[in-house]
C-alpha cells in the first residue's frame, strides 16, 4: 500500500532542497550582515504559552498533544512566544539591544491553500530593547535588503505600512470605545482580503452607527498620513509614521514602501507600527509582515521592554520568486568525475576521488568500470566540470583530464596534477 504525504506538508527532493537552501541561506546571509544573531528553540512548547499570546481559540489552529505526563503541548505555530520566553529567562544578563533572527520550521492546523501550508519555514527578525522608530525602520530595511538582493524591485513588491497606535487614537476620536477596538481591528484587518460589499457588511455588524461607520470608511480610504491628520488632528503616532518614512527613504528603500491605513494585523499583539509585504498586483497572500509589540515580554511574566520584528514565510515567497524567474538554486556540479575504463584500475579511481575530496573538491566516480562514452555521459549528467580518465596511462603514473565544457583534454602526471591543485 502506498502512503501519501500528509495534506499540507511537503517532500523535499534534492531539487526542492536546493530551492529551500537557496532561500534560507539568503535569509541567514542578510541577517548576519545586518547585525543579527541566530537563535532557535524547541519544536514544541507548552500549549499555555500560545494561549497567553492569542487566547484559547488558538488551540483549534495548531497541532496540540498530551505527553506521557498528561501535559498539554503544541507544535510551534510561530516562534515569537519562544523568543519572549527565552529573553525573559535571561533578561538581567542579556546585553541590550537584542538583535536576533531565526529560521524555524512551523506548524499550523489550517486548511491548505495556495501560499499556505500546514508546515513551513519562516524567517523571523526582531529587535528588543529599543523604543525608537529607527528600530522599526531597520527591521523593514532588513526584509527589503533580502528581497532586493533576490531581484524583486518596487515594480514587484510593496510594503504597506500603518500604525495600531494611530488607529487607536483616530477610532476613539470617532467615538469607538476602547473596549471595542480589538473586535473592530479584526474586521478592519479583512479589508484588503474581501470585496467592498462583504467588508462593509461585516463593518456594519460590528459598528451599527452610520455616522461612525462612514468616518471609519473615510479613514480606510486615506492615502497619506497628512490626509488623516487633516481629518482627525495630528497626534504623536502620526509623527512616528512620518519619521519612519523618512528613515526608509534615507536607507534607500522608500520606493518600496507605501502608507496604507488598512494594514491592521488583526491580533492585539501589536502596539505601534505595523506593516505587510505584498506582491504589487496583490494576487498572492502577504509575503510577510510585522510591527511593534512592546507588551509581549510583560505578558510572559517579564518586564515591560520595547520590541519590534517581522516574519516572512517561504511558501508565498517561493511562489513569487518562481513566477518572476528569480529562483537560482545551486545545482549539483561536481568539480571532478573520475572515469575508470578498466576494472583493474577501479581502486585507483576511487583513491583519486578520495584524494580530491580530502582537498575540498566535490568528486564523484562511476560504480562500474566500462565504456568511456557511457561514463562521460554520466559525468555530463552530473554537470561535472572536469572528468579524470583512468586508463592505460596510469601504468606510467599519468591520467587524462578532460574539460567537459570545451572537450579539451590533457595527459598529466599524477603527482604534478595534485601539486598544481589549489587548496
Protein backbone atom coordinates (compact mmCIF):
# COMPACT_ATOMS: atom_id res chain seq x y z
CA UNK A 1 0.00 0.00 0.00
CA UNK A 2 1.34 3.40 -0.99
CA UNK A 3 1.14 6.01 1.76
CA UNK A 4 0.93 9.63 0.53
CA UNK A 5 2.37 12.61 2.44
CA UNK A 6 0.04 14.32 4.89
CA UNK A 7 -2.03 17.03 3.22
CA UNK A 8 -0.46 20.45 3.60
CA UNK A 9 3.09 19.10 4.02
CA UNK A 10 5.95 18.83 1.52
CA UNK A 11 8.51 16.28 0.41
CA UNK A 12 11.83 17.89 -0.36
CA UNK A 13 13.52 16.00 -3.17
CA UNK A 14 17.11 17.13 -3.93
CA UNK A 15 15.96 19.79 -6.42
CA UNK A 16 13.44 21.07 -3.85
CA UNK A 17 16.08 21.11 -1.15
CA UNK A 18 18.27 23.20 -3.44
CA UNK A 19 15.50 25.82 -3.64
CA UNK A 20 14.83 25.68 0.10
CA UNK A 21 18.52 26.06 0.94
CA UNK A 22 18.92 28.91 -1.56
CA UNK A 23 16.11 30.86 0.12
CA UNK A 24 17.20 30.11 3.70
CA UNK A 25 20.89 30.71 3.01
CA UNK A 26 19.90 34.14 1.69
CA UNK A 27 17.88 34.87 4.83
CA UNK A 28 20.81 33.96 7.05
CA UNK A 29 23.37 35.88 4.99
CA UNK A 30 21.30 39.08 5.04
CA UNK A 31 20.50 38.74 8.76
CA UNK A 32 24.16 38.42 9.68
CA UNK A 33 25.26 41.39 7.59
CA UNK A 34 22.55 43.50 9.23
CA UNK A 35 23.98 42.66 12.65
CA UNK A 36 21.51 40.00 13.84
CA UNK A 37 22.49 36.83 15.74
CA UNK A 38 20.82 33.47 15.17
CA UNK A 39 18.80 31.62 17.83
CA UNK A 40 16.34 28.74 17.94
CA UNK A 41 14.10 26.96 20.45
CA UNK A 42 12.25 23.66 20.87
CA UNK A 43 9.89 22.50 18.16
CA UNK A 44 7.13 22.04 20.75
CA UNK A 45 6.18 24.14 23.78
CA UNK A 46 3.51 24.17 26.47
CA UNK A 47 0.13 24.95 24.89
CA UNK A 48 -0.43 27.60 27.55
CA UNK A 49 2.37 29.70 26.09
CA UNK A 50 0.48 30.21 22.84
CA UNK A 51 -2.81 30.74 24.69
CA UNK A 52 -1.23 33.63 26.64
CA UNK A 53 -0.47 35.41 23.38
CA UNK A 54 -3.53 34.55 21.29
CA UNK A 55 -6.28 33.24 23.58
CA UNK A 56 -7.92 29.82 24.00
CA UNK A 57 -9.18 29.73 20.40
CA UNK A 58 -5.59 29.31 19.19
CA UNK A 59 -5.83 25.62 20.25
CA UNK A 60 -8.02 24.98 17.20
CA UNK A 61 -5.39 26.46 14.87
CA UNK A 62 -2.38 24.40 15.91
CA UNK A 63 -1.29 20.82 16.40
CA UNK A 64 -1.67 20.08 20.12
CA UNK A 65 -0.96 16.89 22.06
CA UNK A 66 -0.63 15.46 25.54
CA UNK A 67 2.68 13.97 26.61
CA UNK A 68 3.07 10.92 28.88
CA UNK A 69 2.78 13.19 31.91
CA UNK A 70 -0.64 14.40 30.68
CA UNK A 71 0.81 17.86 29.96
CA UNK A 72 -0.74 19.93 27.16
CA UNK A 73 1.85 20.67 24.48
CA UNK A 74 1.74 22.11 20.96
CA UNK A 75 3.95 22.14 17.90
CA UNK A 76 5.05 25.74 17.50
CA UNK A 77 2.84 27.75 15.08
CA UNK A 78 5.23 30.70 15.46
CA UNK A 79 8.44 31.42 17.32
CA UNK A 80 7.83 34.87 18.85
CA UNK A 81 6.42 33.44 22.13
CA UNK A 82 9.53 31.27 22.37
CA UNK A 83 11.65 34.37 21.82
CA UNK A 84 9.80 36.17 24.64
CA UNK A 85 10.25 33.20 26.97
CA UNK A 86 13.95 32.88 26.19
CA UNK A 87 14.64 36.60 26.65
CA UNK A 88 12.70 36.71 29.92
CA UNK A 89 14.73 33.78 31.26
CA UNK A 90 17.97 35.78 30.94
CA UNK A 91 16.66 39.33 30.89
CA UNK A 92 19.14 40.54 33.50
CA UNK A 93 22.21 39.17 31.72
CA UNK A 94 21.44 39.78 28.05
CA UNK A 95 23.03 42.97 26.67
CA UNK A 96 20.56 45.39 25.12
CA UNK A 97 19.58 45.92 22.43
CA UNK A 98 18.92 42.30 21.44
CA UNK A 99 19.09 41.76 17.67
CA UNK A 100 18.18 38.14 16.94
CA UNK A 101 16.93 36.16 13.97
CA UNK A 102 15.66 32.62 13.49
CA UNK A 103 14.52 30.34 10.66
CA UNK A 104 12.18 27.88 12.42
CA UNK A 105 10.02 25.15 10.91
CA UNK A 106 6.45 25.97 11.98
CA UNK A 107 3.16 24.07 12.04
CA UNK A 108 -0.43 25.27 11.78
CA UNK A 109 -3.56 23.12 11.59
CA UNK A 110 -5.14 25.17 8.82
CA UNK A 111 -6.88 24.38 5.56
CA UNK A 112 -4.11 24.17 2.94
CA UNK A 113 -4.38 26.60 0.03
CA UNK A 114 -2.08 28.47 -2.33
CA UNK A 115 0.71 30.00 -0.29
CA UNK A 116 -0.50 28.48 3.00
CA UNK A 117 0.55 25.02 4.19
CA UNK A 118 0.41 23.15 7.46
CA UNK A 119 4.18 23.17 7.78
CA UNK A 120 6.54 25.83 6.51
CA UNK A 121 9.74 27.73 7.21
CA UNK A 122 9.67 31.34 8.39
CA UNK A 123 12.36 33.99 8.66
CA UNK A 124 11.95 35.94 11.90
CA UNK A 125 13.95 39.09 12.69
CA UNK A 126 13.49 41.01 15.95
CA UNK A 127 14.99 43.94 17.84
CA UNK A 128 14.30 44.06 21.58
CA UNK A 129 15.11 46.95 23.89
CA UNK A 130 14.86 49.92 21.51
CA UNK A 131 11.99 52.39 21.90
CA UNK A 132 12.75 54.28 18.72
CA UNK A 133 11.11 54.17 15.31
CA UNK A 134 14.60 53.71 13.85
CA UNK A 135 14.45 50.08 15.05
CA UNK A 136 11.21 49.59 13.09
CA UNK A 137 12.90 51.10 10.04
CA UNK A 138 15.89 48.78 10.44
CA UNK A 139 13.75 45.63 10.51
CA UNK A 140 11.83 46.77 7.41
CA UNK A 141 15.14 47.54 5.72
CA UNK A 142 16.46 44.08 6.61
CA UNK A 143 13.44 42.42 4.97
CA UNK A 144 13.84 44.56 1.87
CA UNK A 145 17.61 44.02 1.84
CA UNK A 146 16.93 40.33 1.21
CA UNK A 147 14.01 40.82 -1.19
CA UNK A 148 16.03 43.37 -3.18
CA UNK A 149 19.02 41.02 -3.29
CA UNK A 150 16.72 38.25 -4.57
CA UNK A 151 15.89 40.51 -7.53
CA UNK A 152 12.50 41.96 -6.52
CA UNK A 153 12.02 45.63 -7.42
CA UNK A 154 9.44 48.27 -6.41
CA UNK A 155 7.52 47.16 -9.52
CA UNK A 156 7.23 43.67 -7.99
CA UNK A 157 6.50 44.23 -4.29
CA UNK A 158 5.23 46.84 -1.86
CA UNK A 159 5.49 47.26 1.92
CA UNK A 160 2.16 48.59 3.19
CA UNK A 161 2.68 50.47 6.46
CA UNK A 162 0.32 51.74 9.15
CA UNK A 163 0.18 52.15 12.94
CA UNK A 164 -2.02 50.49 15.55
CA UNK A 165 -1.32 53.44 17.85
CA UNK A 166 -2.55 55.85 15.19
CA UNK A 167 -5.66 53.75 14.51
CA UNK A 168 -6.48 53.64 18.23
CA UNK A 169 -6.26 57.44 18.51
CA UNK A 170 -8.41 58.04 15.43
CA UNK A 171 -11.03 55.37 16.18
CA UNK A 172 -11.50 56.68 19.72
CA UNK A 173 -11.82 60.20 18.30
CA UNK A 174 -14.57 58.85 16.03
CA UNK A 175 -16.35 57.51 19.12
CA UNK A 176 -15.33 53.85 19.22
CA UNK A 177 -14.96 52.72 22.84
CA UNK A 178 -11.54 51.38 23.86
CA UNK A 179 -13.09 48.02 24.75
CA UNK A 180 -14.45 47.67 21.21
CA UNK A 181 -11.12 48.29 19.45
CA UNK A 182 -9.82 44.71 19.26
CA UNK A 183 -13.03 43.39 17.71
CA UNK A 184 -13.04 46.26 15.21
CA UNK A 185 -9.36 45.66 14.37
CA UNK A 186 -10.24 42.08 13.43
CA UNK A 187 -12.83 43.41 10.95
CA UNK A 188 -10.57 46.14 9.53
CA UNK A 189 -7.81 43.55 9.05
CA UNK A 190 -10.04 41.83 6.48
CA UNK A 191 -10.49 44.96 4.37
CA UNK A 192 -7.87 44.03 1.76
CA UNK A 193 -8.99 40.40 1.73
CA UNK A 194 -12.70 40.94 0.96
CA UNK A 195 -14.83 42.56 -1.72
CA UNK A 196 -16.07 46.05 -0.76
CA UNK A 197 -19.67 44.88 -0.21
CA UNK A 198 -18.62 41.98 2.03
CA UNK A 199 -16.32 44.20 4.06
CA UNK A 200 -18.95 46.91 4.55
CA UNK A 201 -21.45 44.25 5.65
CA UNK A 202 -19.02 42.98 8.31
CA UNK A 203 -18.28 46.55 9.37
CA UNK A 204 -22.00 47.32 9.74
CA UNK A 205 -22.48 44.36 12.09
CA UNK A 206 -19.55 45.49 14.21
CA UNK A 207 -20.35 49.21 14.02
CA UNK A 208 -24.11 49.81 13.55
CA UNK A 209 -23.84 53.61 13.95
CA UNK A 210 -23.95 55.03 10.39
CA UNK A 211 -22.02 58.23 11.14
CA UNK A 212 -19.19 56.34 12.88
CA UNK A 213 -19.08 53.76 10.13
CA UNK A 214 -18.77 56.46 7.47
CA UNK A 215 -15.86 58.02 9.36
CA UNK A 216 -14.12 54.63 9.51
CA UNK A 217 -14.56 54.22 5.75
CA UNK A 218 -13.05 57.68 5.21
CA UNK A 219 -10.14 56.69 7.44
CA UNK A 220 -9.57 53.48 5.44
CA UNK A 221 -9.59 55.40 2.13
CA UNK A 222 -6.87 57.90 3.13
CA UNK A 223 -3.69 57.67 1.04
CA UNK A 224 -1.29 59.70 3.19
CA UNK A 225 -0.59 60.31 6.86
CA UNK A 226 -1.11 64.02 6.28
CA UNK A 227 -4.60 63.35 4.90
CA UNK A 228 -5.60 61.56 8.11
CA UNK A 229 -4.01 64.34 10.15
CA UNK A 230 -6.16 66.94 8.44
CA UNK A 231 -9.28 64.79 9.04
CA UNK A 232 -8.77 63.93 12.70
CA UNK A 233 -6.00 66.16 14.05
CA UNK A 234 -2.30 65.42 14.36
CA UNK A 235 -1.01 63.13 17.12
CA UNK A 236 2.32 61.63 18.26
CA UNK A 237 1.57 58.43 16.31
CA UNK A 238 1.38 60.46 13.09
CA UNK A 239 4.85 61.86 13.69
CA UNK A 240 6.20 58.33 14.21
CA UNK A 241 4.91 57.31 10.79
CA UNK A 242 6.39 60.38 9.13
CA UNK A 243 9.74 59.75 10.81
CA UNK A 244 9.64 56.09 9.78
CA UNK A 245 9.07 57.00 6.14
CA UNK A 246 11.97 59.48 6.28
CA UNK A 247 14.30 56.80 7.66
CA UNK A 248 13.25 54.36 4.95
CA UNK A 249 13.96 57.00 2.31
CA UNK A 250 17.40 57.63 3.79
CA UNK A 251 18.07 53.89 3.80
CA UNK A 252 17.32 53.77 0.09
CA UNK A 253 14.19 51.60 0.25
CA UNK A 254 11.48 54.27 0.39
CA UNK A 255 10.35 53.43 -3.15
CA UNK A 256 9.19 50.02 -1.88
CA UNK A 257 7.05 51.50 0.90
CA UNK A 258 3.53 52.93 0.99
CA UNK A 259 1.23 54.17 3.75
CA UNK A 260 -1.97 52.11 3.98
CA UNK A 261 -4.35 52.56 6.95
CA UNK A 262 -5.96 49.23 6.06
CA UNK A 263 -2.97 47.35 7.49
CA UNK A 264 -4.07 46.37 10.99
CA UNK A 265 -2.55 42.96 11.82
CA UNK A 266 -5.69 41.54 13.48
CA UNK A 267 -4.33 40.32 16.82
CA UNK A 268 -3.98 42.59 19.86
CA UNK A 269 -0.32 41.56 19.80
CA UNK A 270 0.81 44.76 18.06
CA UNK A 271 1.09 48.14 19.76
CA UNK A 272 2.53 50.60 17.21
CA UNK A 273 3.95 50.49 13.69
CA UNK A 274 2.55 47.57 11.63
CA UNK A 275 3.27 46.51 8.05
CA UNK A 276 2.69 43.78 5.49
CA UNK A 277 4.62 42.94 2.31
CA UNK A 278 2.66 42.08 -0.84
CA UNK A 279 3.29 41.40 -4.49
CA UNK A 280 2.45 44.59 -6.37
CA UNK A 281 -0.52 43.01 -8.16
CA UNK A 282 -1.94 41.66 -4.85
CA UNK A 283 -2.54 38.30 -6.49
CA UNK A 284 -0.94 36.38 -3.62
CA UNK A 285 -1.27 36.30 0.14
CA UNK A 286 1.05 38.54 2.14
CA UNK A 287 4.71 37.61 1.68
CA UNK A 288 5.33 38.62 5.29
CA UNK A 289 4.56 41.20 7.92
CA UNK A 290 5.39 42.54 11.33
CA UNK A 291 5.43 45.51 13.61
CA UNK A 292 5.99 46.74 17.14
CA UNK A 293 4.93 44.62 20.12
CA UNK A 294 6.02 46.47 23.25
CA UNK A 295 3.85 44.50 25.72
CA UNK A 296 4.74 40.90 24.83
CA UNK A 297 7.58 40.26 27.29
CA UNK A 298 5.41 41.66 30.08
CA UNK A 299 2.59 39.28 29.12
CA UNK A 300 5.02 36.40 29.60
CA UNK A 301 5.96 37.50 33.10
CA UNK A 302 8.90 39.73 32.25
CA UNK A 303 9.46 43.48 32.45
CA UNK A 304 7.99 45.98 30.01
CA UNK A 305 10.56 46.04 27.21
CA UNK A 306 10.01 47.58 23.74
CA UNK A 307 10.29 45.19 20.79
CA UNK A 308 9.72 45.08 17.05
CA UNK A 309 10.14 42.49 14.33
CA UNK A 310 8.78 40.65 11.30
CA UNK A 311 8.23 37.22 9.82
CA UNK A 312 8.46 36.08 6.18
CA UNK A 313 7.37 32.56 5.20
CA UNK A 314 8.92 30.50 2.44
CA UNK A 315 5.67 29.43 0.73
CA UNK A 316 4.37 32.69 -0.80
CA UNK A 317 7.91 33.97 -1.29
CA UNK A 318 8.84 30.84 -3.23
CA UNK A 319 5.78 31.18 -5.47
CA UNK A 320 6.54 34.84 -6.23
CA UNK A 321 10.24 34.25 -6.94
CA UNK A 322 9.37 31.36 -9.24
CA UNK A 323 6.76 33.43 -11.11
CA UNK A 324 9.34 36.19 -11.59
CA UNK A 325 12.02 33.74 -12.76
CA UNK A 326 14.26 34.71 -9.84
CA UNK A 327 14.85 31.34 -8.19
CA UNK A 328 18.51 30.49 -8.69
CA UNK A 329 19.26 27.43 -6.56
CA UNK A 330 22.69 25.89 -6.67
CA UNK A 331 22.68 22.75 -8.78
CA UNK A 332 24.81 19.66 -8.33
CA UNK A 333 28.09 20.45 -10.10
CA UNK A 334 30.97 18.18 -9.10
CA UNK A 335 34.40 19.65 -9.68
CA UNK A 336 35.59 16.29 -10.94
CA UNK A 337 34.18 12.98 -12.12
CA UNK A 338 36.65 10.09 -12.15
CA UNK A 339 36.05 7.66 -15.02
CA UNK A 340 37.61 4.20 -14.99
CA UNK A 341 37.78 2.28 -18.28
CA UNK A 342 39.13 -0.97 -16.84
CA UNK A 343 38.08 -2.88 -13.71
CA UNK A 344 41.79 -3.26 -12.86
CA UNK A 345 42.04 0.49 -12.26
CA UNK A 346 38.86 0.78 -10.17
CA UNK A 347 40.74 1.03 -6.86
CA UNK A 348 42.98 3.75 -8.27
CA UNK A 349 39.93 5.70 -9.49
CA UNK A 350 38.37 5.60 -6.03
CA UNK A 351 41.69 6.64 -4.48
CA UNK A 352 41.95 9.65 -6.83
CA UNK A 353 38.38 10.69 -5.93
CA UNK A 354 39.10 10.38 -2.21
CA UNK A 355 42.26 12.50 -2.52
CA UNK A 356 40.29 15.20 -4.35
CA UNK A 357 37.60 15.17 -1.64
CA UNK A 358 40.24 15.46 1.10
CA UNK A 359 41.47 18.64 -0.59
CA UNK A 360 37.97 20.17 -0.55
CA UNK A 361 36.83 19.32 -4.08
CA UNK A 362 33.49 17.73 -4.94
CA UNK A 363 34.39 14.50 -6.72
CA UNK A 364 32.37 11.53 -7.91
CA UNK A 365 33.11 8.30 -9.69
CA UNK A 366 31.33 5.52 -11.53
CA UNK A 367 30.50 2.40 -9.56
CA UNK A 368 31.11 0.28 -12.64
CA UNK A 369 34.11 0.33 -14.94
CA UNK A 370 33.17 0.23 -18.60
CA UNK A 371 32.99 2.07 -21.87
CA UNK A 372 34.38 5.61 -21.69
CA UNK A 373 31.49 7.13 -23.64
CA UNK A 374 28.96 5.87 -21.12
CA UNK A 375 30.96 7.29 -18.22
CA UNK A 376 31.46 10.64 -19.95
CA UNK A 377 27.69 10.77 -20.36
CA UNK A 378 27.31 10.10 -16.62
CA UNK A 379 29.79 12.91 -15.88
CA UNK A 380 27.81 15.25 -18.13
CA UNK A 381 24.50 14.31 -16.45
CA UNK A 382 26.04 15.25 -13.11
CA UNK A 383 27.24 18.60 -14.55
CA UNK A 384 30.82 17.76 -13.66
CA UNK A 385 33.26 20.49 -14.64
CA UNK A 386 36.10 18.11 -15.45
CA UNK A 387 36.46 14.38 -15.98
CA UNK A 388 39.57 12.47 -14.94
CA UNK A 389 40.07 9.38 -17.06
CA UNK A 390 41.97 6.48 -15.53
CA UNK A 391 43.25 4.05 -18.19
CA UNK A 392 46.47 2.58 -19.55
CA UNK A 393 48.28 5.87 -18.97
CA UNK A 394 48.03 5.18 -15.24
CA UNK A 395 50.68 2.46 -15.68
CA UNK A 396 53.06 5.36 -16.36
CA UNK A 397 51.71 7.32 -13.38
CA UNK A 398 49.65 9.53 -15.71
CA UNK A 399 45.99 10.42 -16.02
CA UNK A 400 43.87 12.27 -18.56
CA UNK A 401 41.95 15.41 -17.55
CA UNK A 402 39.06 16.40 -19.82
CA UNK A 403 37.33 19.80 -19.64
CA UNK A 404 33.63 18.96 -20.01
CA UNK A 405 32.72 22.43 -21.29
CA UNK A 406 35.35 22.71 -24.06
CA UNK A 407 36.09 18.99 -24.61
CA UNK A 408 39.80 19.83 -24.41
CA UNK A 409 41.92 17.28 -22.58
CA UNK A 410 45.50 16.83 -21.43
CA UNK A 411 47.63 13.99 -20.15
CA UNK A 412 49.45 14.83 -16.94
CA UNK A 413 51.49 13.04 -14.30
CA UNK A 414 49.53 12.23 -11.15
CA UNK A 415 52.00 13.95 -8.80
CA UNK A 416 52.08 17.09 -10.95
CA UNK A 417 48.28 17.14 -11.17
CA UNK A 418 47.89 17.17 -7.38
CA UNK A 419 50.81 19.58 -6.90
CA UNK A 420 49.14 22.14 -9.17
CA UNK A 421 45.72 21.84 -7.47
CA UNK A 422 44.74 24.89 -5.49
CA UNK A 423 43.92 24.08 -1.85
